[in-house]
Amino acid sequence: MPTKPTADFAQFDALDIRVGRIVNVEDAATKKPTYRMTIDFGADIGTKVSCGAYRNYPKESLIGQQVLCVVNFAPRRMGPEVSEVLVLGVPNAAGETIYVTPQQPVDLGVALF
């Protein structure tokens, strides 16, 4: 993948990236195989829904995992579903989506800096 153009710090600073814990996972009603995940960000933000292609994980293995998410994008319609936050991920060698997580447990809702 080619690199993207240079961004200034203000563009990064505009993103609100927080840690949440996945509390529920179910199949989403979308054309592509997708999960509908409910993510808890703590008292200040509450729970939000994200739809994502994390089907390489069994649903049960995602419950309780901490993930990094962009919480200040506008909600995005994905077929009949609405995704309120973007769970950050990277592809593995097989092209499957691997979620980004802190190396150690942290408080819910803390921001990436």
PDB file of N, CA and C in Angstrom:
ATOM      1  N   MET A   1       0.842  -1.173   0.000  1.00  0.00           N
ATOM      2  CA  MET A   1       0.000   0.000   0.000  1.00  0.00           C
ATOM      3  C   MET A   1       0.891   1.241   0.000  1.00  0.00           C
ATOM      4  N   PRO A   2       0.648   2.166  -0.904  1.00  0.00           N
ATOM      5  CA  PRO A   2       1.467   3.387  -0.933  1.00  0.00           C
ATOM      6  C   PRO A   2       1.169   4.270   0.281  1.00  0.00           C
ATOM      7  N   THR A   3       2.154   5.093   0.651  1.00  0.00           N
ATOM      8  CA  THR A   3       1.943   6.002   1.770  1.00  0.00           C
ATOM      9  C   THR A   3       0.999   7.125   1.357  1.00  0.00           C
ATOM     10  N   LYS A   4       0.365   7.707   2.347  1.00  0.00           N
ATOM     11  CA  LYS A   4      -0.578   8.805   2.112  1.00  0.00           C
ATOM     12  C   LYS A   4       0.162  10.128   2.188  1.00  0.00           C
ATOM     13  N   PRO A   5      -0.442  11.199   1.680  1.00  0.00           N
ATOM     14  CA  PRO A   5       0.204  12.515   1.757  1.00  0.00           C
ATOM     15  C   PRO A   5       0.428  12.930   3.210  1.00  0.00           C
ATOM     16  N   THR A   6       1.367  13.816   3.418  1.00  0.00           N
ATOM     17  CA  THR A   6       1.672  14.326   4.743  1.00  0.00           C
ATOM     18  C   THR A   6       0.448  15.031   5.321  1.00  0.00           C
ATOM     19  N   ALA A   7       0.160  14.730   6.585  1.00  0.00           N
ATOM     20  CA  ALA A   7      -0.940  15.378   7.302  1.00  0.00           C
ATOM     21  C   ALA A   7      -0.347  16.276   8.375  1.00  0.00           C
ATOM     22  N   ASP A   8      -1.092  17.291   8.768  1.00  0.00           N
ATOM     23  CA  ASP A   8      -0.586  18.091   9.875  1.00  0.00           C
ATOM     24  C   ASP A   8      -1.192  17.565  11.183  1.00  0.00           C
ATOM     25  N   PHE A   9      -0.612  17.961  12.296  1.00  0.00           N
ATOM     26  CA  PHE A   9      -1.019  17.433  13.594  1.00  0.00           C
ATOM     27  C   PHE A   9      -2.482  17.735  13.900  1.00  0.00           C
ATOM     28  N   ALA A  10      -2.994  18.843  13.418  1.00  0.00           N
ATOM     29  CA  ALA A  10      -4.383  19.210  13.679  1.00  0.00           C
ATOM     30  C   ALA A  10      -5.350  18.153  13.129  1.00  0.00           C
ATOM     31  N   GLN A  11      -5.000  17.526  12.005  1.00  0.00           N
ATOM     32  CA  GLN A  11      -5.851  16.479  11.443  1.00  0.00           C
ATOM     33  C   GLN A  11      -5.896  15.268  12.371  1.00  0.00           C
ATOM     34  N   PHE A  12      -4.745  14.878  12.912  1.00  0.00           N
ATOM     35  CA  PHE A  12      -4.712  13.776  13.872  1.00  0.00           C
ATOM     36  C   PHE A  12      -5.446  14.166  15.147  1.00  0.00           C
ATOM     37  N   ASP A  13      -5.194  15.381  15.621  1.00  0.00           N
ATOM     38  CA  ASP A  13      -5.769  15.845  16.872  1.00  0.00           C
ATOM     39  C   ASP A  13      -7.292  15.933  16.808  1.00  0.00           C
ATOM     40  N   ALA A  14      -7.848  16.055  15.605  1.00  0.00           N
ATOM     41  CA  ALA A  14      -9.299  16.127  15.443  1.00  0.00           C
ATOM     42  C   ALA A  14      -9.971  14.776  15.705  1.00  0.00           C
ATOM     43  N   LEU A  15      -9.218  13.683  15.602  1.00  0.00           N
ATOM     44  CA  LEU A  15      -9.778  12.350  15.847  1.00  0.00           C
ATOM     45  C   LEU A  15      -9.834  12.082  17.343  1.00  0.00           C
ATOM     46  N   ASP A  16     -10.965  11.571  17.798  1.00  0.00           N
ATOM     47  CA  ASP A  16     -11.136  11.189  19.198  1.00  0.00           C
ATOM     48  C   ASP A  16     -11.080   9.664  19.244  1.00  0.00           C
ATOM     49  N   ILE A  17      -9.900   9.130  19.560  1.00  0.00           N
ATOM     50  CA  ILE A  17      -9.678   7.682  19.577  1.00  0.00           C
ATOM     51  C   ILE A  17      -9.663   7.235  21.028  1.00  0.00           C
ATOM     52  N   ARG A  18     -10.594   6.350  21.386  1.00  0.00           N
ATOM     53  CA  ARG A  18     -10.777   5.917  22.773  1.00  0.00           C
ATOM     54  C   ARG A  18     -10.734   4.397  22.882  1.00  0.00           C
ATOM     55  N   VAL A  19     -10.490   3.951  24.114  1.00  0.00           N
ATOM     56  CA  VAL A  19     -10.511   2.519  24.415  1.00  0.00           C
ATOM     57  C   VAL A  19     -11.901   2.138  24.916  1.00  0.00           C
ATOM     58  N   GLY A  20     -12.429   1.074  24.331  1.00  0.00           N
ATOM     59  CA  GLY A  20     -13.705   0.517  24.775  1.00  0.00           C
ATOM     60  C   GLY A  20     -13.573  -0.981  24.962  1.00  0.00           C
ATOM     61  N   ARG A  21     -14.575  -1.568  25.610  1.00  0.00           N
ATOM     62  CA  ARG A  21     -14.611  -3.019  25.810  1.00  0.00           C
ATOM     63  C   ARG A  21     -15.842  -3.570  25.096  1.00  0.00           C
ATOM     64  N   ILE A  22     -15.626  -4.585  24.274  1.00  0.00           N
ATOM     65  CA  ILE A  22     -16.733  -5.228  23.562  1.00  0.00           C
ATOM     66  C   ILE A  22     -17.570  -6.005  24.580  1.00  0.00           C
ATOM     67  N   VAL A  23     -18.871  -5.687  24.629  1.00  0.00           N
ATOM     68  CA  VAL A  23     -19.758  -6.327  25.596  1.00  0.00           C
ATOM     69  C   VAL A  23     -20.801  -7.227  24.945  1.00  0.00           C
ATOM     70  N   ASN A  24     -21.014  -7.076  23.647  1.00  0.00           N
ATOM     71  CA  ASN A  24     -21.966  -7.939  22.955  1.00  0.00           C
ATOM     72  C   ASN A  24     -21.581  -8.014  21.477  1.00  0.00           C
ATOM     73  N   VAL A  25     -21.760  -9.192  20.883  1.00  0.00           N
ATOM     74  CA  VAL A  25     -21.461  -9.394  19.458  1.00  0.00           C
ATOM     75  C   VAL A  25     -22.575 -10.239  18.856  1.00  0.00           C
ATOM     76  N   GLU A  26     -23.084  -9.767  17.729  1.00  0.00           N
ATOM     77  CA  GLU A  26     -24.099 -10.542  17.009  1.00  0.00           C
ATOM     78  C   GLU A  26     -23.892 -10.354  15.514  1.00  0.00           C
ATOM     79  N   ASP A  27     -24.503 -11.215  14.726  1.00  0.00           N
ATOM     80  CA  ASP A  27     -24.407 -11.084  13.275  1.00  0.00           C
ATOM     81  C   ASP A  27     -25.165  -9.833  12.839  1.00  0.00           C
ATOM     82  N   ALA A  28     -24.550  -9.046  11.982  1.00  0.00           N
ATOM     83  CA  ALA A  28     -25.201  -7.841  11.459  1.00  0.00           C
ATOM     84  C   ALA A  28     -26.040  -8.203  10.247  1.00  0.00           C
ATOM     85  N   ALA A  29     -27.065  -7.412  10.015  1.00  0.00           N
ATOM     86  CA  ALA A  29     -27.942  -7.620   8.862  1.00  0.00           C
ATOM     87  C   ALA A  29     -27.398  -6.842   7.670  1.00  0.00           C
ATOM     88  N   THR A  30     -26.214  -7.248   7.194  1.00  0.00           N
ATOM     89  CA  THR A  30     -25.562  -6.584   6.061  1.00  0.00           C
ATOM     90  C   THR A  30     -25.285  -7.609   4.966  1.00  0.00           C
ATOM     91  N   LYS A  31     -24.970  -7.118   3.759  1.00  0.00           N
ATOM     92  CA  LYS A  31     -24.665  -8.028   2.656  1.00  0.00           C
ATOM     93  C   LYS A  31     -23.386  -8.800   2.912  1.00  0.00           C
ATOM     94  N   LYS A  32     -22.333  -8.091   3.353  1.00  0.00           N
ATOM     95  CA  LYS A  32     -21.070  -8.744   3.676  1.00  0.00           C
ATOM     96  C   LYS A  32     -21.167  -9.372   5.067  1.00  0.00           C
ATOM     97  N   PRO A  33     -20.456 -10.476   5.304  1.00  0.00           N
ATOM     98  CA  PRO A  33     -20.449 -11.047   6.652  1.00  0.00           C
ATOM     99  C   PRO A  33     -19.798 -10.061   7.636  1.00  0.00           C
ATOM    100  N   THR A  34     -20.598  -9.547   8.532  1.00  0.00           N
ATOM    101  CA  THR A  34     -20.164  -8.505   9.444  1.00  0.00           C
ATOM    102  C   THR A  34     -20.743  -8.763  10.825  1.00  0.00           C
ATOM    103  N   TYR A  35     -20.032  -8.342  11.852  1.00  0.00           N
ATOM    104  CA  TYR A  35     -20.558  -8.383  13.214  1.00  0.00           C
ATOM    105  C   TYR A  35     -21.091  -7.016  13.609  1.00  0.00           C
ATOM    106  N   ARG A  36     -22.103  -7.032  14.433  1.00  0.00           N
ATOM    107  CA  ARG A  36     -22.626  -5.832  15.104  1.00  0.00           C
ATOM    108  C   ARG A  36     -22.156  -5.947  16.548  1.00  0.00           C
ATOM    109  N   MET A  37     -21.230  -5.052  16.935  1.00  0.00           N
ATOM    110  CA  MET A  37     -20.620  -5.128  18.259  1.00  0.00           C
ATOM    111  C   MET A  37     -21.069  -3.944  19.113  1.00  0.00           C
ATOM    112  N   THR A  38     -21.475  -4.230  20.345  1.00  0.00           N
ATOM    113  CA  THR A  38     -21.775  -3.187  21.307  1.00  0.00           C
ATOM    114  C   THR A  38     -20.521  -2.997  22.151  1.00  0.00           C
ATOM    115  N   ILE A  39     -20.071  -1.747  22.250  1.00  0.00           N
ATOM    116  CA  ILE A  39     -18.799  -1.439  22.906  1.00  0.00           C
ATOM    117  C   ILE A  39     -19.048  -0.442  24.026  1.00  0.00           C
ATOM    118  N   ASP A  40     -18.539  -0.756  25.212  1.00  0.00           N
ATOM    119  CA  ASP A  40     -18.673   0.107  26.389  1.00  0.00           C
ATOM    120  C   ASP A  40     -17.440   0.994  26.505  1.00  0.00           C
ATOM    121  N   PHE A  41     -17.654   2.312  26.546  1.00  0.00           N
ATOM    122  CA  PHE A  41     -16.563   3.274  26.681  1.00  0.00           C
ATOM    123  C   PHE A  41     -16.533   3.937  28.055  1.00  0.00           C
ATOM    124  N   GLY A  42     -17.283   3.412  29.002  1.00  0.00           N
ATOM    125  CA  GLY A  42     -17.301   3.993  30.338  1.00  0.00           C
ATOM    126  C   GLY A  42     -18.408   5.022  30.480  1.00  0.00           C
ATOM    127  N   ALA A  43     -18.477   5.620  31.687  1.00  0.00           N
ATOM    128  CA  ALA A  43     -19.590   6.498  32.053  1.00  0.00           C
ATOM    129  C   ALA A  43     -19.716   7.740  31.175  1.00  0.00           C
ATOM    130  N   ASP A  44     -18.629   8.357  30.775  1.00  0.00           N
ATOM    131  CA  ASP A  44     -18.706   9.616  30.025  1.00  0.00           C
ATOM    132  C   ASP A  44     -19.262   9.441  28.615  1.00  0.00           C
ATOM    133  N   ILE A  45     -18.937   8.345  27.956  1.00  0.00           N
ATOM    134  CA  ILE A  45     -19.370   8.125  26.565  1.00  0.00           C
ATOM    135  C   ILE A  45     -20.506   7.112  26.491  1.00  0.00           C
ATOM    136  N   GLY A  46     -20.494   6.124  27.358  1.00  0.00           N
ATOM    137  CA  GLY A  46     -21.527   5.088  27.354  1.00  0.00           C
ATOM    138  C   GLY A  46     -21.226   3.993  26.348  1.00  0.00           C
ATOM    139  N   THR A  47     -22.271   3.308  25.904  1.00  0.00           N
ATOM    140  CA  THR A  47     -22.096   2.236  24.927  1.00  0.00           C
ATOM    141  C   THR A  47     -22.435   2.748  23.536  1.00  0.00           C
ATOM    142  N   LYS A  48     -21.719   2.219  22.560  1.00  0.00           N
ATOM    143  CA  LYS A  48     -21.918   2.558  21.154  1.00  0.00           C
ATOM    144  C   LYS A  48     -21.872   1.268  20.342  1.00  0.00           C
ATOM    145  N   VAL A  49     -22.424   1.322  19.143  1.00  0.00           N
ATOM    146  CA  VAL A  49     -22.459   0.170  18.252  1.00  0.00           C
ATOM    147  C   VAL A  49     -21.473   0.375  17.112  1.00  0.00           C
ATOM    148  N   SER A  50     -20.770  -0.696  16.748  1.00  0.00           N
ATOM    149  CA  SER A  50     -19.898  -0.683  15.586  1.00  0.00           C
ATOM    150  C   SER A  50     -20.151  -1.929  14.759  1.00  0.00           C
ATOM    151  N   CYS A  51     -20.220  -1.767  13.457  1.00  0.00           N
ATOM    152  CA  CYS A  51     -20.336  -2.907  12.548  1.00  0.00           C
ATOM    153  C   CYS A  51     -18.993  -3.072  11.856  1.00  0.00           C
ATOM    154  N   GLY A  52     -18.437  -4.272  11.897  1.00  0.00           N
ATOM    155  CA  GLY A  52     -17.129  -4.475  11.312  1.00  0.00           C
ATOM    156  C   GLY A  52     -16.898  -5.898  10.857  1.00  0.00           C
ATOM    157  N   ALA A  53     -15.906  -6.048   9.993  1.00  0.00           N
ATOM    158  CA  ALA A  53     -15.568  -7.342   9.390  1.00  0.00           C
ATOM    159  C   ALA A  53     -14.563  -8.096  10.263  1.00  0.00           C
ATOM    160  N   TYR A  54     -14.980  -8.472  11.434  1.00  0.00           N
ATOM    161  CA  TYR A  54     -14.112  -9.217  12.360  1.00  0.00           C
ATOM    162  C   TYR A  54     -14.549 -10.671  12.449  1.00  0.00           C
ATOM    163  N   ARG A  55     -15.080 -11.207  11.347  1.00  0.00           N
ATOM    164  CA  ARG A  55     -15.652 -12.551  11.336  1.00  0.00           C
ATOM    165  C   ARG A  55     -14.604 -13.656  11.445  1.00  0.00           C
ATOM    166  N   ASN A  56     -13.323 -13.317  11.373  1.00  0.00           N
ATOM    167  CA  ASN A  56     -12.288 -14.325  11.586  1.00  0.00           C
ATOM    168  C   ASN A  56     -12.171 -14.680  13.066  1.00  0.00           C
ATOM    169  N   TYR A  57     -12.826 -13.925  13.931  1.00  0.00           N
ATOM    170  CA  TYR A  57     -12.879 -14.216  15.368  1.00  0.00           C
ATOM    171  C   TYR A  57     -14.225 -14.856  15.697  1.00  0.00           C
ATOM    172  N   PRO A  58     -14.231 -15.909  16.516  1.00  0.00           N
ATOM    173  CA  PRO A  58     -15.526 -16.381  17.022  1.00  0.00           C
ATOM    174  C   PRO A  58     -16.149 -15.279  17.887  1.00  0.00           C
ATOM    175  N   LYS A  59     -17.455 -15.131  17.828  1.00  0.00           N
ATOM    176  CA  LYS A  59     -18.137 -14.073  18.588  1.00  0.00           C
ATOM    177  C   LYS A  59     -17.737 -14.078  20.058  1.00  0.00           C
ATOM    178  N   GLU A  60     -17.716 -15.259  20.656  1.00  0.00           N
ATOM    179  CA  GLU A  60     -17.434 -15.374  22.091  1.00  0.00           C
ATOM    180  C   GLU A  60     -16.045 -14.859  22.450  1.00  0.00           C
ATOM    181  N   SER A  61     -15.082 -14.980  21.518  1.00  0.00           N
ATOM    182  CA  SER A  61     -13.711 -14.558  21.820  1.00  0.00           C
ATOM    183  C   SER A  61     -13.565 -13.035  21.812  1.00  0.00           C
ATOM    184  N   LEU A  62     -14.513 -12.328  21.205  1.00  0.00           N
ATOM    185  CA  LEU A  62     -14.457 -10.868  21.176  1.00  0.00           C
ATOM    186  C   LEU A  62     -15.025 -10.238  22.454  1.00  0.00           C
ATOM    187  N   ILE A  63     -15.930 -10.939  23.107  1.00  0.00           N
ATOM    188  CA  ILE A  63     -16.549 -10.404  24.326  1.00  0.00           C
ATOM    189  C   ILE A  63     -15.467 -10.159  25.374  1.00  0.00           C
ATOM    190  N   GLY A  64     -15.449  -8.953  25.922  1.00  0.00           N
ATOM    191  CA  GLY A  64     -14.483  -8.596  26.956  1.00  0.00           C
ATOM    192  C   GLY A  64     -13.184  -8.007  26.434  1.00  0.00           C
ATOM    193  N   GLN A  65     -12.969  -8.033  25.123  1.00  0.00           N
ATOM    194  CA  GLN A  65     -11.725  -7.492  24.560  1.00  0.00           C
ATOM    195  C   GLN A  65     -11.767  -5.970  24.533  1.00  0.00           C
ATOM    196  N   GLN A  66     -10.642  -5.349  24.855  1.00  0.00           N
ATOM    197  CA  GLN A  66     -10.524  -3.906  24.718  1.00  0.00           C
ATOM    198  C   GLN A  66     -10.056  -3.582  23.305  1.00  0.00           C
ATOM    199  N   VAL A  67     -10.668  -2.555  22.713  1.00  0.00           N
ATOM    200  CA  VAL A  67     -10.351  -2.145  21.345  1.00  0.00           C
ATOM    201  C   VAL A  67     -10.211  -0.637  21.276  1.00  0.00           C
ATOM    202  N   LEU A  68      -9.439  -0.168  20.297  1.00  0.00           N
ATOM    203  CA  LEU A  68      -9.305   1.266  20.036  1.00  0.00           C
ATOM    204  C   LEU A  68     -10.295   1.655  18.938  1.00  0.00           C
ATOM    205  N   CYS A  69     -11.020   2.745  19.179  1.00  0.00           N
ATOM    206  CA  CYS A  69     -12.078   3.157  18.262  1.00  0.00           C
ATOM    207  C   CYS A  69     -12.070   4.665  18.066  1.00  0.00           C
ATOM    208  N   VAL A  70     -12.428   5.094  16.857  1.00  0.00           N
ATOM    209  CA  VAL A  70     -12.693   6.508  16.608  1.00  0.00           C
ATOM    210  C   VAL A  70     -14.156   6.732  17.006  1.00  0.00           C
ATOM    211  N   VAL A  71     -14.358   7.596  17.999  1.00  0.00           N
ATOM    212  CA  VAL A  71     -15.707   7.790  18.532  1.00  0.00           C
ATOM    213  C   VAL A  71     -16.377   9.076  18.036  1.00  0.00           C
ATOM    214  N   ASN A  72     -15.665   9.901  17.259  1.00  0.00           N
ATOM    215  CA  ASN A  72     -16.267  11.166  16.835  1.00  0.00           C
ATOM    216  C   ASN A  72     -16.519  11.271  15.327  1.00  0.00           C
ATOM    217  N   PHE A  73     -16.610  10.141  14.637  1.00  0.00           N
ATOM    218  CA  PHE A  73     -17.120  10.157  13.264  1.00  0.00           C
ATOM    219  C   PHE A  73     -18.646  10.199  13.327  1.00  0.00           C
ATOM    220  N   ALA A  74     -19.280  10.764  12.320  1.00  0.00           N
ATOM    221  CA  ALA A  74     -20.737  10.725  12.238  1.00  0.00           C
ATOM    222  C   ALA A  74     -21.174   9.270  12.056  1.00  0.00           C
ATOM    223  N   PRO A  75     -22.351   8.893  12.561  1.00  0.00           N
ATOM    224  CA  PRO A  75     -22.836   7.526  12.336  1.00  0.00           C
ATOM    225  C   PRO A  75     -22.872   7.205  10.846  1.00  0.00           C
ATOM    226  N   ARG A  76     -22.588   5.942  10.532  1.00  0.00           N
ATOM    227  CA  ARG A  76     -22.512   5.514   9.129  1.00  0.00           C
ATOM    228  C   ARG A  76     -23.473   4.349   8.906  1.00  0.00           C
ATOM    229  N   ARG A  77     -24.308   4.505   7.901  1.00  0.00           N
ATOM    230  CA  ARG A  77     -25.268   3.447   7.580  1.00  0.00           C
ATOM    231  C   ARG A  77     -24.565   2.355   6.782  1.00  0.00           C
ATOM    232  N   MET A  78     -24.780   1.121   7.203  1.00  0.00           N
ATOM    233  CA  MET A  78     -24.234  -0.053   6.513  1.00  0.00           C
ATOM    234  C   MET A  78     -25.411  -0.988   6.256  1.00  0.00           C
ATOM    235  N   GLY A  79     -26.091  -0.799   5.108  1.00  0.00           N
ATOM    236  CA  GLY A  79     -27.336  -1.528   4.864  1.00  0.00           C
ATOM    237  C   GLY A  79     -28.348  -1.084   5.903  1.00  0.00           C
ATOM    238  N   PRO A  80     -29.015  -2.015   6.562  1.00  0.00           N
ATOM    239  CA  PRO A  80     -29.998  -1.641   7.578  1.00  0.00           C
ATOM    240  C   PRO A  80     -29.361  -1.275   8.934  1.00  0.00           C
ATOM    241  N   GLU A  81     -28.069  -1.483   9.078  1.00  0.00           N
ATOM    242  CA  GLU A  81     -27.370  -1.223  10.348  1.00  0.00           C
ATOM    243  C   GLU A  81     -26.802   0.194  10.360  1.00  0.00           C
ATOM    244  N   VAL A  82     -26.576   0.720  11.564  1.00  0.00           N
ATOM    245  CA  VAL A  82     -25.907   2.004  11.744  1.00  0.00           C
ATOM    246  C   VAL A  82     -24.708   1.777  12.646  1.00  0.00           C
ATOM    247  N   SER A  83     -23.536   2.145  12.164  1.00  0.00           N
ATOM    248  CA  SER A  83     -22.300   2.018  12.922  1.00  0.00           C
ATOM    249  C   SER A  83     -21.971   3.389  13.504  1.00  0.00           C
ATOM    250  N   GLU A  84     -21.878   3.460  14.848  1.00  0.00           N
ATOM    251  CA  GLU A  84     -21.656   4.736  15.532  1.00  0.00           C
ATOM    252  C   GLU A  84     -20.184   5.043  15.765  1.00  0.00           C
ATOM    253  N   VAL A  85     -19.341   4.019  15.820  1.00  0.00           N
ATOM    254  CA  VAL A  85     -17.900   4.194  16.038  1.00  0.00           C
ATOM    255  C   VAL A  85     -17.144   3.289  15.081  1.00  0.00           C
ATOM    256  N   LEU A  86     -15.885   3.641  14.828  1.00  0.00           N
ATOM    257  CA  LEU A  86     -15.026   2.836  13.965  1.00  0.00           C
ATOM    258  C   LEU A  86     -14.002   2.107  14.820  1.00  0.00           C
ATOM    259  N   VAL A  87     -14.076   0.775  14.850  1.00  0.00           N
ATOM    260  CA  VAL A  87     -13.073  -0.032  15.532  1.00  0.00           C
ATOM    261  C   VAL A  87     -11.851  -0.080  14.622  1.00  0.00           C
ATOM    262  N   LEU A  88     -10.697   0.291  15.158  1.00  0.00           N
ATOM    263  CA  LEU A  88      -9.476   0.302  14.353  1.00  0.00           C
ATOM    264  C   LEU A  88      -8.925  -1.113  14.198  1.00  0.00           C
ATOM    265  N   GLY A  89      -8.425  -1.406  13.013  1.00  0.00           N
ATOM    266  CA  GLY A  89      -7.883  -2.724  12.742  1.00  0.00           C
ATOM    267  C   GLY A  89      -6.811  -2.672  11.674  1.00  0.00           C
ATOM    268  N   VAL A  90      -6.110  -3.777  11.532  1.00  0.00           N
ATOM    269  CA  VAL A  90      -5.081  -3.949  10.512  1.00  0.00           C
ATOM    270  C   VAL A  90      -5.266  -5.331   9.882  1.00  0.00           C
ATOM    271  N   PRO A  91      -4.817  -5.502   8.616  1.00  0.00           N
ATOM    272  CA  PRO A  91      -4.954  -6.824   8.005  1.00  0.00           C
ATOM    273  C   PRO A  91      -3.800  -7.745   8.396  1.00  0.00           C
ATOM    274  N   ASN A  92      -4.113  -9.033   8.578  1.00  0.00           N
ATOM    275  CA  ASN A  92      -3.036 -10.012   8.746  1.00  0.00           C
ATOM    276  C   ASN A  92      -2.619 -10.516   7.362  1.00  0.00           C
ATOM    277  N   ALA A  93      -1.717 -11.494   7.305  1.00  0.00           N
ATOM    278  CA  ALA A  93      -1.197 -11.988   6.017  1.00  0.00           C
ATOM    279  C   ALA A  93      -2.301 -12.555   5.128  1.00  0.00           C
ATOM    280  N   ALA A  94      -3.375 -13.053   5.749  1.00  0.00           N
ATOM    281  CA  ALA A  94      -4.485 -13.625   4.971  1.00  0.00           C
ATOM    282  C   ALA A  94      -5.514 -12.569   4.582  1.00  0.00           C
ATOM    283  N   GLY A  95      -5.286 -11.304   4.979  1.00  0.00           N
ATOM    284  CA  GLY A  95      -6.222 -10.238   4.655  1.00  0.00           C
ATOM    285  C   GLY A  95      -7.372 -10.112   5.634  1.00  0.00           C
ATOM    286  N   GLU A  96      -7.337 -10.885   6.728  1.00  0.00           N
ATOM    287  CA  GLU A  96      -8.387 -10.805   7.740  1.00  0.00           C
ATOM    288  C   GLU A  96      -8.125  -9.604   8.644  1.00  0.00           C
ATOM    289  N   THR A  97      -9.198  -9.006   9.161  1.00  0.00           N
ATOM    290  CA  THR A  97      -9.067  -7.826  10.002  1.00  0.00           C
ATOM    291  C   THR A  97      -8.710  -8.214  11.429  1.00  0.00           C
ATOM    292  N   ILE A  98      -7.637  -7.638  11.943  1.00  0.00           N
ATOM    293  CA  ILE A  98      -7.180  -7.844  13.318  1.00  0.00           C
ATOM    294  C   ILE A  98      -7.407  -6.527  14.062  1.00  0.00           C
ATOM    295  N   TYR A  99      -8.137  -6.588  15.183  1.00  0.00           N
ATOM    296  CA  TYR A  99      -8.423  -5.354  15.912  1.00  0.00           C
ATOM    297  C   TYR A  99      -7.191  -4.846  16.647  1.00  0.00           C
ATOM    298  N   VAL A 100      -7.149  -3.520  16.853  1.00  0.00           N
ATOM    299  CA  VAL A 100      -6.055  -2.873  17.571  1.00  0.00           C
ATOM    300  C   VAL A 100      -6.465  -2.774  19.034  1.00  0.00           C
ATOM    301  N   THR A 101      -5.561  -3.202  19.918  1.00  0.00           N
ATOM    302  CA  THR A 101      -5.868  -3.260  21.345  1.00  0.00           C
ATOM    303  C   THR A 101      -4.670  -2.795  22.159  1.00  0.00           C
ATOM    304  N   PRO A 102      -4.902  -2.250  23.363  1.00  0.00           N
ATOM    305  CA  PRO A 102      -3.754  -1.903  24.215  1.00  0.00           C
ATOM    306  C   PRO A 102      -3.030  -3.175  24.665  1.00  0.00           C
ATOM    307  N   GLN A 103      -1.739  -3.071  24.934  1.00  0.00           N
ATOM    308  CA  GLN A 103      -0.965  -4.236  25.387  1.00  0.00           C
ATOM    309  C   GLN A 103      -1.365  -4.682  26.786  1.00  0.00           C
ATOM    310  N   GLN A 104      -1.892  -3.774  27.577  1.00  0.00           N
ATOM    311  CA  GLN A 104      -2.335  -4.069  28.938  1.00  0.00           C
ATOM    312  C   GLN A 104      -3.730  -3.479  29.125  1.00  0.00           C
ATOM    313  N   PRO A 105      -4.518  -4.033  30.053  1.00  0.00           N
ATOM    314  CA  PRO A 105      -5.835  -3.431  30.312  1.00  0.00           C
ATOM    315  C   PRO A 105      -5.689  -1.990  30.793  1.00  0.00           C
ATOM    316  N   VAL A 106      -6.574  -1.120  30.300  1.00  0.00           N
ATOM    317  CA  VAL A 106      -6.595   0.295  30.705  1.00  0.00           C
ATOM    318  C   VAL A 106      -8.031   0.665  31.026  1.00  0.00           C
ATOM    319  N   ASP A 107      -8.219   1.829  31.636  1.00  0.00           N
ATOM    320  CA  ASP A 107      -9.561   2.315  31.949  1.00  0.00           C
ATOM    321  C   ASP A 107     -10.345   2.545  30.678  1.00  0.00           C
ATOM    322  N   LEU A 108     -11.643   2.238  30.743  1.00  0.00           N
ATOM    323  CA  LEU A 108     -12.504   2.473  29.588  1.00  0.00           C
ATOM    324  C   LEU A 108     -12.616   3.971  29.327  1.00  0.00           C
ATOM    325  N   GLY A 109     -12.606   4.334  28.050  1.00  0.00           N
ATOM    326  CA  GLY A 109     -12.786   5.721  27.652  1.00  0.00           C
ATOM    327  C   GLY A 109     -11.511   6.539  27.569  1.00  0.00           C
ATOM    328  N   VAL A 110     -10.357   5.963  27.974  1.00  0.00           N
ATOM    329  CA  VAL A 110      -9.134   6.752  27.875  1.00  0.00           C
ATOM    330  C   VAL A 110      -8.810   7.005  26.413  1.00  0.00           C
ATOM    331  N   ALA A 111      -8.171   8.148  26.155  1.00  0.00           N
ATOM    332  CA  ALA A 111      -7.881   8.577  24.789  1.00  0.00           C
ATOM    333  C   ALA A 111      -6.478   8.205  24.356  1.00  0.00           C
ATOM    334  N   LEU A 112      -6.338   7.857  23.101  1.00  0.00           N
ATOM    335  CA  LEU A 112      -5.041   7.658  22.471  1.00  0.00           C
ATOM    336  C   LEU A 112      -4.399   9.017  22.277  1.00  0.00           C
ATOM    337  N   PHE A 113      -3.082   9.117  22.521  1.00  0.00           N
ATOM    338  CA  PHE A 113      -2.372  10.377  22.280  1.00  0.00           C
ATOM    339  C   PHE A 113      -1.054  10.086  21.616  1.00  0.00           C
TER     340      PHE A 113
END
